[in-house]
Amino acid sequence: MALNLDKNLKLYYSISEVAKMFGLNESTLRYWEQEFPYLKPKVKGPSKVRQYSEKDIEQIRLIYNLVKVRGFKIAAAKKIISNNRAGADKTAEVLERLMAVKEELLAMKRQVEQMQ
């Protein structure tokens, strides 16, 4: 059995790590946990340290796309997710890919400009 070195080996992320991934405040993530009942990170110990799994991060990515990127209010984001979860997931995935392509194109443009 071959070892998959490309796979992320970390199982859980702290709230500060996840906030940094998305450029959010930790308080925003805690608020989203209250507003979106399916976003439930594992809570560990008496200090109640939140541990986010990859599944939790995907939930946050969807919420982030709807609220921060597309500009929906929390109520509208909830409605979109409850009415058409698969469509919302697909739209978020497509948008993320497009943003990555845009970044690659901008990097290529900078390289071409440096050559001139």
PDB file of N, CA and C in Angstrom:
ATOM      1  N   MET A   1       0.845  -1.179   0.000  1.00  0.00           N
ATOM      2  CA  MET A   1       0.000   0.000   0.000  1.00  0.00           C
ATOM      3  C   MET A   1       0.890   1.240   0.000  1.00  0.00           C
ATOM      4  N   ALA A   2       0.696   2.118  -0.957  1.00  0.00           N
ATOM      5  CA  ALA A   2       1.523   3.313  -1.093  1.00  0.00           C
ATOM      6  C   ALA A   2       1.009   4.415  -0.179  1.00  0.00           C
ATOM      7  N   LEU A   3       1.939   5.185   0.345  1.00  0.00           N
ATOM      8  CA  LEU A   3       1.599   6.314   1.200  1.00  0.00           C
ATOM      9  C   LEU A   3       1.274   7.522   0.335  1.00  0.00           C
ATOM     10  N   ASN A   4       0.144   8.133   0.581  1.00  0.00           N
ATOM     11  CA  ASN A   4      -0.272   9.305  -0.180  1.00  0.00           C
ATOM     12  C   ASN A   4       0.313  10.549   0.486  1.00  0.00           C
ATOM     13  N   LEU A   5       1.381  11.089  -0.085  1.00  0.00           N
ATOM     14  CA  LEU A   5       2.061  12.231   0.505  1.00  0.00           C
ATOM     15  C   LEU A   5       1.328  13.545   0.227  1.00  0.00           C
ATOM     16  N   ASP A   6       0.445  13.560  -0.760  1.00  0.00           N
ATOM     17  CA  ASP A   6      -0.288  14.776  -1.087  1.00  0.00           C
ATOM     18  C   ASP A   6      -1.422  15.037  -0.106  1.00  0.00           C
ATOM     19  N   LYS A   7      -1.872  14.025   0.565  1.00  0.00           N
ATOM     20  CA  LYS A   7      -3.009  14.147   1.470  1.00  0.00           C
ATOM     21  C   LYS A   7      -2.596  14.905   2.731  1.00  0.00           C
ATOM     22  N   ASN A   8      -3.454  15.829   3.140  1.00  0.00           N
ATOM     23  CA  ASN A   8      -3.201  16.583   4.360  1.00  0.00           C
ATOM     24  C   ASN A   8      -3.366  15.639   5.547  1.00  0.00           C
ATOM     25  N   LEU A   9      -2.357  15.560   6.388  1.00  0.00           N
ATOM     26  CA  LEU A   9      -2.378  14.611   7.482  1.00  0.00           C
ATOM     27  C   LEU A   9      -3.001  15.170   8.756  1.00  0.00           C
ATOM     28  N   LYS A  10      -3.272  16.449   8.810  1.00  0.00           N
ATOM     29  CA  LYS A  10      -3.835  17.054   9.998  1.00  0.00           C
ATOM     30  C   LYS A  10      -5.337  16.758  10.051  1.00  0.00           C
ATOM     31  N   LEU A  11      -5.801  16.250  11.185  1.00  0.00           N
ATOM     32  CA  LEU A  11      -7.213  15.899  11.322  1.00  0.00           C
ATOM     33  C   LEU A  11      -8.062  17.067  11.801  1.00  0.00           C
ATOM     34  N   TYR A  12      -7.505  17.895  12.681  1.00  0.00           N
ATOM     35  CA  TYR A  12      -8.264  19.003  13.250  1.00  0.00           C
ATOM     36  C   TYR A  12      -7.445  20.284  13.220  1.00  0.00           C
ATOM     37  N   TYR A  13      -8.163  21.397  13.101  1.00  0.00           N
ATOM     38  CA  TYR A  13      -7.557  22.718  13.077  1.00  0.00           C
ATOM     39  C   TYR A  13      -8.161  23.557  14.196  1.00  0.00           C
ATOM     40  N   SER A  14      -7.371  24.423  14.792  1.00  0.00           N
ATOM     41  CA  SER A  14      -7.881  25.311  15.840  1.00  0.00           C
ATOM     42  C   SER A  14      -8.683  26.439  15.212  1.00  0.00           C
ATOM     43  N   ILE A  15      -9.435  27.130  16.038  1.00  0.00           N
ATOM     44  CA  ILE A  15     -10.246  28.235  15.537  1.00  0.00           C
ATOM     45  C   ILE A  15      -9.351  29.334  14.963  1.00  0.00           C
ATOM     46  N   SER A  16      -8.187  29.547  15.556  1.00  0.00           N
ATOM     47  CA  SER A  16      -7.291  30.586  15.038  1.00  0.00           C
ATOM     48  C   SER A  16      -6.729  30.196  13.676  1.00  0.00           C
ATOM     49  N   GLU A  17      -6.433  28.914  13.472  1.00  0.00           N
ATOM     50  CA  GLU A  17      -5.947  28.451  12.171  1.00  0.00           C
ATOM     51  C   GLU A  17      -7.019  28.620  11.093  1.00  0.00           C
ATOM     52  N   VAL A  18      -8.247  28.266  11.431  1.00  0.00           N
ATOM     53  CA  VAL A  18      -9.348  28.363  10.460  1.00  0.00           C
ATOM     54  C   VAL A  18      -9.650  29.830  10.160  1.00  0.00           C
ATOM     55  N   ALA A  19      -9.647  30.664  11.184  1.00  0.00           N
ATOM     56  CA  ALA A  19      -9.883  32.094  10.970  1.00  0.00           C
ATOM     57  C   ALA A  19      -8.825  32.668  10.036  1.00  0.00           C
ATOM     58  N   LYS A  20      -7.600  32.248  10.224  1.00  0.00           N
ATOM     59  CA  LYS A  20      -6.507  32.738   9.375  1.00  0.00           C
ATOM     60  C   LYS A  20      -6.672  32.247   7.932  1.00  0.00           C
ATOM     61  N   MET A  21      -7.135  31.019   7.746  1.00  0.00           N
ATOM     62  CA  MET A  21      -7.355  30.470   6.399  1.00  0.00           C
ATOM     63  C   MET A  21      -8.287  31.355   5.580  1.00  0.00           C
ATOM     64  N   PHE A  22      -9.318  31.881   6.251  1.00  0.00           N
ATOM     65  CA  PHE A  22     -10.350  32.633   5.555  1.00  0.00           C
ATOM     66  C   PHE A  22     -10.233  34.145   5.745  1.00  0.00           C
ATOM     67  N   GLY A  23      -9.268  34.578   6.534  1.00  0.00           N
ATOM     68  CA  GLY A  23      -9.126  36.007   6.793  1.00  0.00           C
ATOM     69  C   GLY A  23     -10.273  36.558   7.616  1.00  0.00           C
ATOM     70  N   LEU A  24     -10.745  35.761   8.564  1.00  0.00           N
ATOM     71  CA  LEU A  24     -11.874  36.140   9.413  1.00  0.00           C
ATOM     72  C   LEU A  24     -11.421  36.307  10.855  1.00  0.00           C
ATOM     73  N   ASN A  25     -12.257  36.944  11.649  1.00  0.00           N
ATOM     74  CA  ASN A  25     -12.053  36.987  13.091  1.00  0.00           C
ATOM     75  C   ASN A  25     -12.602  35.697  13.696  1.00  0.00           C
ATOM     76  N   GLU A  26     -12.035  35.289  14.814  1.00  0.00           N
ATOM     77  CA  GLU A  26     -12.543  34.102  15.505  1.00  0.00           C
ATOM     78  C   GLU A  26     -13.986  34.317  15.938  1.00  0.00           C
ATOM     79  N   SER A  27     -14.334  35.536  16.295  1.00  0.00           N
ATOM     80  CA  SER A  27     -15.703  35.833  16.716  1.00  0.00           C
ATOM     81  C   SER A  27     -16.699  35.596  15.578  1.00  0.00           C
ATOM     82  N   THR A  28     -16.269  35.832  14.339  1.00  0.00           N
ATOM     83  CA  THR A  28     -17.145  35.571  13.189  1.00  0.00           C
ATOM     84  C   THR A  28     -17.440  34.086  13.088  1.00  0.00           C
ATOM     85  N   LEU A  29     -16.435  33.264  13.273  1.00  0.00           N
ATOM     86  CA  LEU A  29     -16.653  31.813  13.229  1.00  0.00           C
ATOM     87  C   LEU A  29     -17.582  31.359  14.355  1.00  0.00           C
ATOM     88  N   ARG A  30     -17.389  31.898  15.546  1.00  0.00           N
ATOM     89  CA  ARG A  30     -18.272  31.530  16.661  1.00  0.00           C
ATOM     90  C   ARG A  30     -19.716  31.962  16.369  1.00  0.00           C
ATOM     91  N   TYR A  31     -19.875  33.129  15.760  1.00  0.00           N
ATOM     92  CA  TYR A  31     -21.213  33.606  15.397  1.00  0.00           C
ATOM     93  C   TYR A  31     -21.840  32.678  14.363  1.00  0.00           C
ATOM     94  N   TRP A  32     -21.071  32.303  13.352  1.00  0.00           N
ATOM     95  CA  TRP A  32     -21.594  31.404  12.327  1.00  0.00           C
ATOM     96  C   TRP A  32     -22.008  30.069  12.930  1.00  0.00           C
ATOM     97  N   GLU A  33     -21.314  29.602  13.945  1.00  0.00           N
ATOM     98  CA  GLU A  33     -21.695  28.352  14.610  1.00  0.00           C
ATOM     99  C   GLU A  33     -23.097  28.467  15.212  1.00  0.00           C
ATOM    100  N   GLN A  34     -23.424  29.652  15.714  1.00  0.00           N
ATOM    101  CA  GLN A  34     -24.755  29.863  16.294  1.00  0.00           C
ATOM    102  C   GLN A  34     -25.820  29.942  15.203  1.00  0.00           C
ATOM    103  N   GLU A  35     -25.474  30.543  14.075  1.00  0.00           N
ATOM    104  CA  GLU A  35     -26.443  30.784  13.015  1.00  0.00           C
ATOM    105  C   GLU A  35     -26.673  29.569  12.099  1.00  0.00           C
ATOM    106  N   PHE A  36     -25.659  28.753  11.923  1.00  0.00           N
ATOM    107  CA  PHE A  36     -25.739  27.597  11.030  1.00  0.00           C
ATOM    108  C   PHE A  36     -25.583  26.329  11.865  1.00  0.00           C
ATOM    109  N   PRO A  37     -26.693  25.681  12.191  1.00  0.00           N
ATOM    110  CA  PRO A  37     -26.665  24.556  13.136  1.00  0.00           C
ATOM    111  C   PRO A  37     -25.822  23.365  12.691  1.00  0.00           C
ATOM    112  N   TYR A  38     -25.581  23.191  11.401  1.00  0.00           N
ATOM    113  CA  TYR A  38     -24.772  22.056  10.937  1.00  0.00           C
ATOM    114  C   TYR A  38     -23.282  22.324  11.082  1.00  0.00           C
ATOM    115  N   LEU A  39     -22.883  23.535  11.442  1.00  0.00           N
ATOM    116  CA  LEU A  39     -21.486  23.868  11.668  1.00  0.00           C
ATOM    117  C   LEU A  39     -21.195  23.661  13.151  1.00  0.00           C
ATOM    118  N   LYS A  40     -20.706  22.477  13.480  1.00  0.00           N
ATOM    119  CA  LYS A  40     -20.464  22.115  14.870  1.00  0.00           C
ATOM    120  C   LYS A  40     -19.062  21.512  15.019  1.00  0.00           C
ATOM    121  N   PRO A  41     -18.062  22.350  15.294  1.00  0.00           N
ATOM    122  CA  PRO A  41     -16.730  21.785  15.502  1.00  0.00           C
ATOM    123  C   PRO A  41     -16.691  20.985  16.804  1.00  0.00           C
ATOM    124  N   LYS A  42     -15.751  20.082  16.859  1.00  0.00           N
ATOM    125  CA  LYS A  42     -15.550  19.277  18.060  1.00  0.00           C
ATOM    126  C   LYS A  42     -15.013  20.197  19.154  1.00  0.00           C
ATOM    127  N   VAL A  43     -15.565  20.080  20.357  1.00  0.00           N
ATOM    128  CA  VAL A  43     -15.101  20.890  21.486  1.00  0.00           C
ATOM    129  C   VAL A  43     -14.371  19.969  22.443  1.00  0.00           C
ATOM    130  N   LYS A  44     -13.157  20.378  22.823  1.00  0.00           N
ATOM    131  CA  LYS A  44     -12.310  19.500  23.618  1.00  0.00           C
ATOM    132  C   LYS A  44     -11.960  20.133  24.956  1.00  0.00           C
ATOM    133  N   GLY A  45     -12.126  19.365  26.008  1.00  0.00           N
ATOM    134  CA  GLY A  45     -11.670  19.750  27.337  1.00  0.00           C
ATOM    135  C   GLY A  45     -12.510  20.822  28.007  1.00  0.00           C
ATOM    136  N   PRO A  46     -12.158  21.108  29.258  1.00  0.00           N
ATOM    137  CA  PRO A  46     -12.908  22.112  30.024  1.00  0.00           C
ATOM    138  C   PRO A  46     -12.722  23.529  29.477  1.00  0.00           C
ATOM    139  N   SER A  47     -11.639  23.772  28.742  1.00  0.00           N
ATOM    140  CA  SER A  47     -11.419  25.101  28.159  1.00  0.00           C
ATOM    141  C   SER A  47     -12.228  25.299  26.880  1.00  0.00           C
ATOM    142  N   LYS A  48     -12.902  24.245  26.458  1.00  0.00           N
ATOM    143  CA  LYS A  48     -13.780  24.266  25.280  1.00  0.00           C
ATOM    144  C   LYS A  48     -13.059  24.730  24.019  1.00  0.00           C
ATOM    145  N   VAL A  49     -11.892  24.164  23.787  1.00  0.00           N
ATOM    146  CA  VAL A  49     -11.111  24.470  22.591  1.00  0.00           C
ATOM    147  C   VAL A  49     -11.811  23.847  21.394  1.00  0.00           C
ATOM    148  N   ARG A  50     -12.103  24.666  20.385  1.00  0.00           N
ATOM    149  CA  ARG A  50     -12.771  24.185  19.184  1.00  0.00           C
ATOM    150  C   ARG A  50     -11.758  23.508  18.275  1.00  0.00           C
ATOM    151  N   GLN A  51     -12.169  22.375  17.706  1.00  0.00           N
ATOM    152  CA  GLN A  51     -11.341  21.647  16.754  1.00  0.00           C
ATOM    153  C   GLN A  51     -12.168  21.421  15.493  1.00  0.00           C
ATOM    154  N   TYR A  52     -11.732  22.044  14.412  1.00  0.00           N
ATOM    155  CA  TYR A  52     -12.460  21.969  13.146  1.00  0.00           C
ATOM    156  C   TYR A  52     -11.888  20.864  12.268  1.00  0.00           C
ATOM    157  N   SER A  53     -12.768  20.016  11.754  1.00  0.00           N
ATOM    158  CA  SER A  53     -12.373  18.956  10.832  1.00  0.00           C
ATOM    159  C   SER A  53     -12.416  19.504   9.405  1.00  0.00           C
ATOM    160  N   GLU A  54     -11.971  18.701   8.453  1.00  0.00           N
ATOM    161  CA  GLU A  54     -12.049  19.091   7.039  1.00  0.00           C
ATOM    162  C   GLU A  54     -13.506  19.334   6.635  1.00  0.00           C
ATOM    163  N   LYS A  55     -14.404  18.522   7.173  1.00  0.00           N
ATOM    164  CA  LYS A  55     -15.834  18.696   6.867  1.00  0.00           C
ATOM    165  C   LYS A  55     -16.326  20.051   7.374  1.00  0.00           C
ATOM    166  N   ASP A  56     -15.913  20.432   8.584  1.00  0.00           N
ATOM    167  CA  ASP A  56     -16.284  21.740   9.126  1.00  0.00           C
ATOM    168  C   ASP A  56     -15.739  22.869   8.254  1.00  0.00           C
ATOM    169  N   ILE A  57     -14.514  22.699   7.786  1.00  0.00           N
ATOM    170  CA  ILE A  57     -13.884  23.725   6.953  1.00  0.00           C
ATOM    171  C   ILE A  57     -14.624  23.859   5.629  1.00  0.00           C
ATOM    172  N   GLU A  58     -15.109  22.759   5.087  1.00  0.00           N
ATOM    173  CA  GLU A  58     -15.912  22.827   3.854  1.00  0.00           C
ATOM    174  C   GLU A  58     -17.218  23.579   4.111  1.00  0.00           C
ATOM    175  N   GLN A  59     -17.824  23.360   5.282  1.00  0.00           N
ATOM    176  CA  GLN A  59     -19.040  24.099   5.642  1.00  0.00           C
ATOM    177  C   GLN A  59     -18.741  25.596   5.718  1.00  0.00           C
ATOM    178  N   ILE A  60     -17.622  25.940   6.335  1.00  0.00           N
ATOM    179  CA  ILE A  60     -17.229  27.341   6.459  1.00  0.00           C
ATOM    180  C   ILE A  60     -16.949  27.933   5.083  1.00  0.00           C
ATOM    181  N   ARG A  61     -16.315  27.159   4.216  1.00  0.00           N
ATOM    182  CA  ARG A  61     -16.018  27.629   2.862  1.00  0.00           C
ATOM    183  C   ARG A  61     -17.321  27.993   2.121  1.00  0.00           C
ATOM    184  N   LEU A  62     -18.343  27.172   2.286  1.00  0.00           N
ATOM    185  CA  LEU A  62     -19.638  27.438   1.659  1.00  0.00           C
ATOM    186  C   LEU A  62     -20.267  28.710   2.230  1.00  0.00           C
ATOM    187  N   ILE A  63     -20.281  28.821   3.541  1.00  0.00           N
ATOM    188  CA  ILE A  63     -20.845  30.006   4.190  1.00  0.00           C
ATOM    189  C   ILE A  63     -20.052  31.248   3.785  1.00  0.00           C
ATOM    190  N   TYR A  64     -18.741  31.141   3.801  1.00  0.00           N
ATOM    191  CA  TYR A  64     -17.879  32.257   3.416  1.00  0.00           C
ATOM    192  C   TYR A  64     -18.194  32.719   1.990  1.00  0.00           C
ATOM    193  N   ASN A  65     -18.345  31.755   1.091  1.00  0.00           N
ATOM    194  CA  ASN A  65     -18.660  32.077  -0.301  1.00  0.00           C
ATOM    195  C   ASN A  65     -19.972  32.850  -0.399  1.00  0.00           C
ATOM    196  N   LEU A  66     -20.977  32.389   0.299  1.00  0.00           N
ATOM    197  CA  LEU A  66     -22.284  33.039   0.220  1.00  0.00           C
ATOM    198  C   LEU A  66     -22.303  34.408   0.889  1.00  0.00           C
ATOM    199  N   VAL A  67     -21.700  34.505   2.074  1.00  0.00           N
ATOM    200  CA  VAL A  67     -21.805  35.728   2.871  1.00  0.00           C
ATOM    201  C   VAL A  67     -20.741  36.763   2.495  1.00  0.00           C
ATOM    202  N   LYS A  68     -19.502  36.337   2.409  1.00  0.00           N
ATOM    203  CA  LYS A  68     -18.412  37.294   2.198  1.00  0.00           C
ATOM    204  C   LYS A  68     -18.114  37.553   0.717  1.00  0.00           C
ATOM    205  N   VAL A  69     -18.156  36.512  -0.103  1.00  0.00           N
ATOM    206  CA  VAL A  69     -17.819  36.680  -1.517  1.00  0.00           C
ATOM    207  C   VAL A  69     -19.020  37.180  -2.306  1.00  0.00           C
ATOM    208  N   ARG A  70     -20.148  36.533  -2.134  1.00  0.00           N
ATOM    209  CA  ARG A  70     -21.327  36.890  -2.932  1.00  0.00           C
ATOM    210  C   ARG A  70     -22.206  37.940  -2.271  1.00  0.00           C
ATOM    211  N   GLY A  71     -21.977  38.239  -0.997  1.00  0.00           N
ATOM    212  CA  GLY A  71     -22.655  39.343  -0.330  1.00  0.00           C
ATOM    213  C   GLY A  71     -24.050  39.075   0.193  1.00  0.00           C
ATOM    214  N   PHE A  72     -24.424  37.814   0.366  1.00  0.00           N
ATOM    215  CA  PHE A  72     -25.740  37.501   0.911  1.00  0.00           C
ATOM    216  C   PHE A  72     -25.777  37.786   2.410  1.00  0.00           C
ATOM    217  N   LYS A  73     -26.936  38.147   2.907  1.00  0.00           N
ATOM    218  CA  LYS A  73     -27.158  38.268   4.344  1.00  0.00           C
ATOM    219  C   LYS A  73     -27.229  36.856   4.924  1.00  0.00           C
ATOM    220  N   ILE A  74     -27.055  36.744   6.238  1.00  0.00           N
ATOM    221  CA  ILE A  74     -27.071  35.439   6.910  1.00  0.00           C
ATOM    222  C   ILE A  74     -28.383  34.699   6.626  1.00  0.00           C
ATOM    223  N   ALA A  75     -29.505  35.385   6.724  1.00  0.00           N
ATOM    224  CA  ALA A  75     -30.809  34.744   6.498  1.00  0.00           C
ATOM    225  C   ALA A  75     -30.913  34.196   5.077  1.00  0.00           C
ATOM    226  N   ALA A  76     -30.428  34.969   4.109  1.00  0.00           N
ATOM    227  CA  ALA A  76     -30.476  34.508   2.713  1.00  0.00           C
ATOM    228  C   ALA A  76     -29.552  33.312   2.508  1.00  0.00           C
ATOM    229  N   ALA A  77     -28.381  33.344   3.131  1.00  0.00           N
ATOM    230  CA  ALA A  77     -27.445  32.222   3.014  1.00  0.00           C
ATOM    231  C   ALA A  77     -28.063  30.953   3.598  1.00  0.00           C
ATOM    232  N   LYS A  78     -28.719  31.074   4.748  1.00  0.00           N
ATOM    233  CA  LYS A  78     -29.391  29.920   5.359  1.00  0.00           C
ATOM    234  C   LYS A  78     -30.437  29.345   4.411  1.00  0.00           C
ATOM    235  N   LYS A  79     -31.210  30.243   3.798  1.00  0.00           N
ATOM    236  CA  LYS A  79     -32.282  29.807   2.893  1.00  0.00           C
ATOM    237  C   LYS A  79     -31.703  29.102   1.671  1.00  0.00           C
ATOM    238  N   ILE A  80     -30.652  29.655   1.095  1.00  0.00           N
ATOM    239  CA  ILE A  80     -30.017  29.037  -0.073  1.00  0.00           C
ATOM    240  C   ILE A  80     -29.507  27.651   0.269  1.00  0.00           C
ATOM    241  N   ILE A  81     -28.850  27.530   1.409  1.00  0.00           N
ATOM    242  CA  ILE A  81     -28.290  26.237   1.806  1.00  0.00           C
ATOM    243  C   ILE A  81     -29.401  25.228   2.077  1.00  0.00           C
ATOM    244  N   SER A  82     -30.464  25.660   2.748  1.00  0.00           N
ATOM    245  CA  SER A  82     -31.536  24.703   3.056  1.00  0.00           C
ATOM    246  C   SER A  82     -32.329  24.309   1.818  1.00  0.00           C
ATOM    247  N   ASN A  83     -32.500  25.229   0.879  1.00  0.00           N
ATOM    248  CA  ASN A  83     -33.282  24.932  -0.327  1.00  0.00           C
ATOM    249  C   ASN A  83     -32.513  24.154  -1.376  1.00  0.00           C
ATOM    250  N   ASN A  84     -31.234  24.433  -1.511  1.00  0.00           N
ATOM    251  CA  ASN A  84     -30.465  23.809  -2.593  1.00  0.00           C
ATOM    252  C   ASN A  84     -29.015  23.621  -2.165  1.00  0.00           C
ATOM    253  N   ARG A  85     -28.792  22.736  -1.253  1.00  0.00           N
ATOM    254  CA  ARG A  85     -27.463  22.513  -0.703  1.00  0.00           C
ATOM    255  C   ARG A  85     -26.471  22.087  -1.789  1.00  0.00           C
ATOM    256  N   ALA A  86     -26.857  21.159  -2.628  1.00  0.00           N
ATOM    257  CA  ALA A  86     -25.948  20.667  -3.672  1.00  0.00           C
ATOM    258  C   ALA A  86     -25.583  21.781  -4.645  1.00  0.00           C
ATOM    259  N   GLY A  87     -26.548  22.582  -5.025  1.00  0.00           N
ATOM    260  CA  GLY A  87     -26.287  23.693  -5.935  1.00  0.00           C
ATOM    261  C   GLY A  87     -25.375  24.735  -5.313  1.00  0.00           C
ATOM    262  N   ALA A  88     -25.579  25.020  -4.035  1.00  0.00           N
ATOM    263  CA  ALA A  88     -24.732  25.987  -3.329  1.00  0.00           C
ATOM    264  C   ALA A  88     -23.307  25.468  -3.219  1.00  0.00           C
ATOM    265  N   ASP A  89     -23.162  24.172  -2.926  1.00  0.00           N
ATOM    266  CA  ASP A  89     -21.830  23.562  -2.856  1.00  0.00           C
ATOM    267  C   ASP A  89     -21.117  23.656  -4.204  1.00  0.00           C
ATOM    268  N   LYS A  90     -21.827  23.328  -5.264  1.00  0.00           N
ATOM    269  CA  LYS A  90     -21.240  23.337  -6.608  1.00  0.00           C
ATOM    270  C   LYS A  90     -20.836  24.748  -7.012  1.00  0.00           C
ATOM    271  N   THR A  91     -21.689  25.717  -6.714  1.00  0.00           N
ATOM    272  CA  THR A  91     -21.384  27.108  -7.043  1.00  0.00           C
ATOM    273  C   THR A  91     -20.138  27.576  -6.293  1.00  0.00           C
ATOM    274  N   ALA A  92     -20.036  27.214  -5.030  1.00  0.00           N
ATOM    275  CA  ALA A  92     -18.859  27.597  -4.241  1.00  0.00           C
ATOM    276  C   ALA A  92     -17.599  26.968  -4.819  1.00  0.00           C
ATOM    277  N   GLU A  93     -17.703  25.705  -5.233  1.00  0.00           N
ATOM    278  CA  GLU A  93     -16.558  25.002  -5.814  1.00  0.00           C
ATOM    279  C   GLU A  93     -16.118  25.659  -7.123  1.00  0.00           C
ATOM    280  N   VAL A  94     -17.071  25.985  -7.972  1.00  0.00           N
ATOM    281  CA  VAL A  94     -16.761  26.625  -9.254  1.00  0.00           C
ATOM    282  C   VAL A  94     -16.128  27.993  -9.027  1.00  0.00           C
ATOM    283  N   LEU A  95     -16.690  28.756  -8.112  1.00  0.00           N
ATOM    284  CA  LEU A  95     -16.152  30.075  -7.820  1.00  0.00           C
ATOM    285  C   LEU A  95     -14.722  29.991  -7.285  1.00  0.00           C
ATOM    286  N   GLU A  96     -14.476  29.022  -6.431  1.00  0.00           N
ATOM    287  CA  GLU A  96     -13.126  28.833  -5.888  1.00  0.00           C
ATOM    288  C   GLU A  96     -12.138  28.487  -7.004  1.00  0.00           C
ATOM    289  N   ARG A  97     -12.535  27.632  -7.919  1.00  0.00           N
ATOM    290  CA  ARG A  97     -11.668  27.290  -9.049  1.00  0.00           C
ATOM    291  C   ARG A  97     -11.396  28.509  -9.929  1.00  0.00           C
ATOM    292  N   LEU A  98     -12.432  29.292 -10.189  1.00  0.00           N
ATOM    293  CA  LEU A  98     -12.254  30.491 -11.003  1.00  0.00           C
ATOM    294  C   LEU A  98     -11.304  31.490 -10.341  1.00  0.00           C
ATOM    295  N   MET A  99     -11.406  31.632  -9.056  1.00  0.00           N
ATOM    296  CA  MET A  99     -10.510  32.542  -8.345  1.00  0.00           C
ATOM    297  C   MET A  99      -9.063  32.047  -8.413  1.00  0.00           C
ATOM    298  N   ALA A 100      -8.878  30.729  -8.335  1.00  0.00           N
ATOM    299  CA  ALA A 100      -7.532  30.170  -8.451  1.00  0.00           C
ATOM    300  C   ALA A 100      -6.960  30.411  -9.850  1.00  0.00           C
ATOM    301  N   VAL A 101      -7.796  30.242 -10.870  1.00  0.00           N
ATOM    302  CA  VAL A 101      -7.367  30.496 -12.248  1.00  0.00           C
ATOM    303  C   VAL A 101      -7.005  31.968 -12.415  1.00  0.00           C
ATOM    304  N   LYS A 102      -7.811  32.837 -11.846  1.00  0.00           N
ATOM    305  CA  LYS A 102      -7.535  34.273 -11.922  1.00  0.00           C
ATOM    306  C   LYS A 102      -6.178  34.586 -11.312  1.00  0.00           C
ATOM    307  N   GLU A 103      -5.897  34.009 -10.157  1.00  0.00           N
ATOM    308  CA  GLU A 103      -4.607  34.240  -9.494  1.00  0.00           C
ATOM    309  C   GLU A 103      -3.448  33.749 -10.358  1.00  0.00           C
ATOM    310  N   GLU A 104      -3.631  32.587 -10.982  1.00  0.00           N
ATOM    311  CA  GLU A 104      -2.588  32.061 -11.871  1.00  0.00           C
ATOM    312  C   GLU A 104      -2.367  32.988 -13.060  1.00  0.00           C
ATOM    313  N   LEU A 105      -3.442  33.473 -13.646  1.00  0.00           N
ATOM    314  CA  LEU A 105      -3.327  34.380 -14.790  1.00  0.00           C
ATOM    315  C   LEU A 105      -2.653  35.691 -14.397  1.00  0.00           C
ATOM    316  N   LEU A 106      -2.983  36.207 -13.227  1.00  0.00           N
ATOM    317  CA  LEU A 106      -2.338  37.432 -12.769  1.00  0.00           C
ATOM    318  C   LEU A 106      -0.845  37.220 -12.534  1.00  0.00           C
ATOM    319  N   ALA A 107      -0.484  36.066 -12.005  1.00  0.00           N
ATOM    320  CA  ALA A 107       0.934  35.749 -11.801  1.00  0.00           C
ATOM    321  C   ALA A 107       1.655  35.656 -13.142  1.00  0.00           C
ATOM    322  N   MET A 108       1.014  35.038 -14.119  1.00  0.00           N
ATOM    323  CA  MET A 108       1.613  34.941 -15.453  1.00  0.00           C
ATOM    324  C   MET A 108       1.767  36.326 -16.077  1.00  0.00           C
ATOM    325  N   LYS A 109       0.769  37.171 -15.879  1.00  0.00           N
ATOM    326  CA  LYS A 109       0.831  38.536 -16.413  1.00  0.00           C
ATOM    327  C   LYS A 109       2.011  39.292 -15.797  1.00  0.00           C
ATOM    328  N   ARG A 110       2.204  39.142 -14.500  1.00  0.00           N
ATOM    329  CA  ARG A 110       3.335  39.807 -13.836  1.00  0.00           C
ATOM    330  C   ARG A 110       4.669  39.316 -14.386  1.00  0.00           C
ATOM    331  N   GLN A 111       4.745  38.018 -14.642  1.00  0.00           N
ATOM    332  CA  GLN A 111       5.982  37.459 -15.200  1.00  0.00           C
ATOM    333  C   GLN A 111       6.267  38.011 -16.600  1.00  0.00           C
ATOM    334  N   VAL A 112       5.231  38.120 -17.404  1.00  0.00           N
ATOM    335  CA  VAL A 112       5.391  38.659 -18.761  1.00  0.00           C
ATOM    336  C   VAL A 112       5.815  40.123 -18.688  1.00  0.00           C
ATOM    337  N   GLU A 113       5.202  40.873 -17.787  1.00  0.00           N
ATOM    338  CA  GLU A 113       5.553  42.294 -17.625  1.00  0.00           C
ATOM    339  C   GLU A 113       7.001  42.464 -17.184  1.00  0.00           C
ATOM    340  N   GLN A 114       7.499  41.538 -16.367  1.00  0.00           N
ATOM    341  CA  GLN A 114       8.886  41.622 -15.911  1.00  0.00           C
ATOM    342  C   GLN A 114       9.862  41.321 -17.036  1.00  0.00           C
ATOM    343  N   MET A 115       9.452  40.542 -18.015  1.00  0.00           N
ATOM    344  CA  MET A 115      10.297  40.203 -19.145  1.00  0.00           C
ATOM    345  C   MET A 115      10.479  41.389 -20.087  1.00  0.00           C
ATOM    346  N   GLN A 116       9.521  42.277 -20.115  1.00  0.00           N
ATOM    347  CA  GLN A 116       9.554  43.394 -21.055  1.00  0.00           C
ATOM    348  C   GLN A 116      10.425  44.528 -20.567  1.00  0.00           C
TER     349      GLN A 116
END
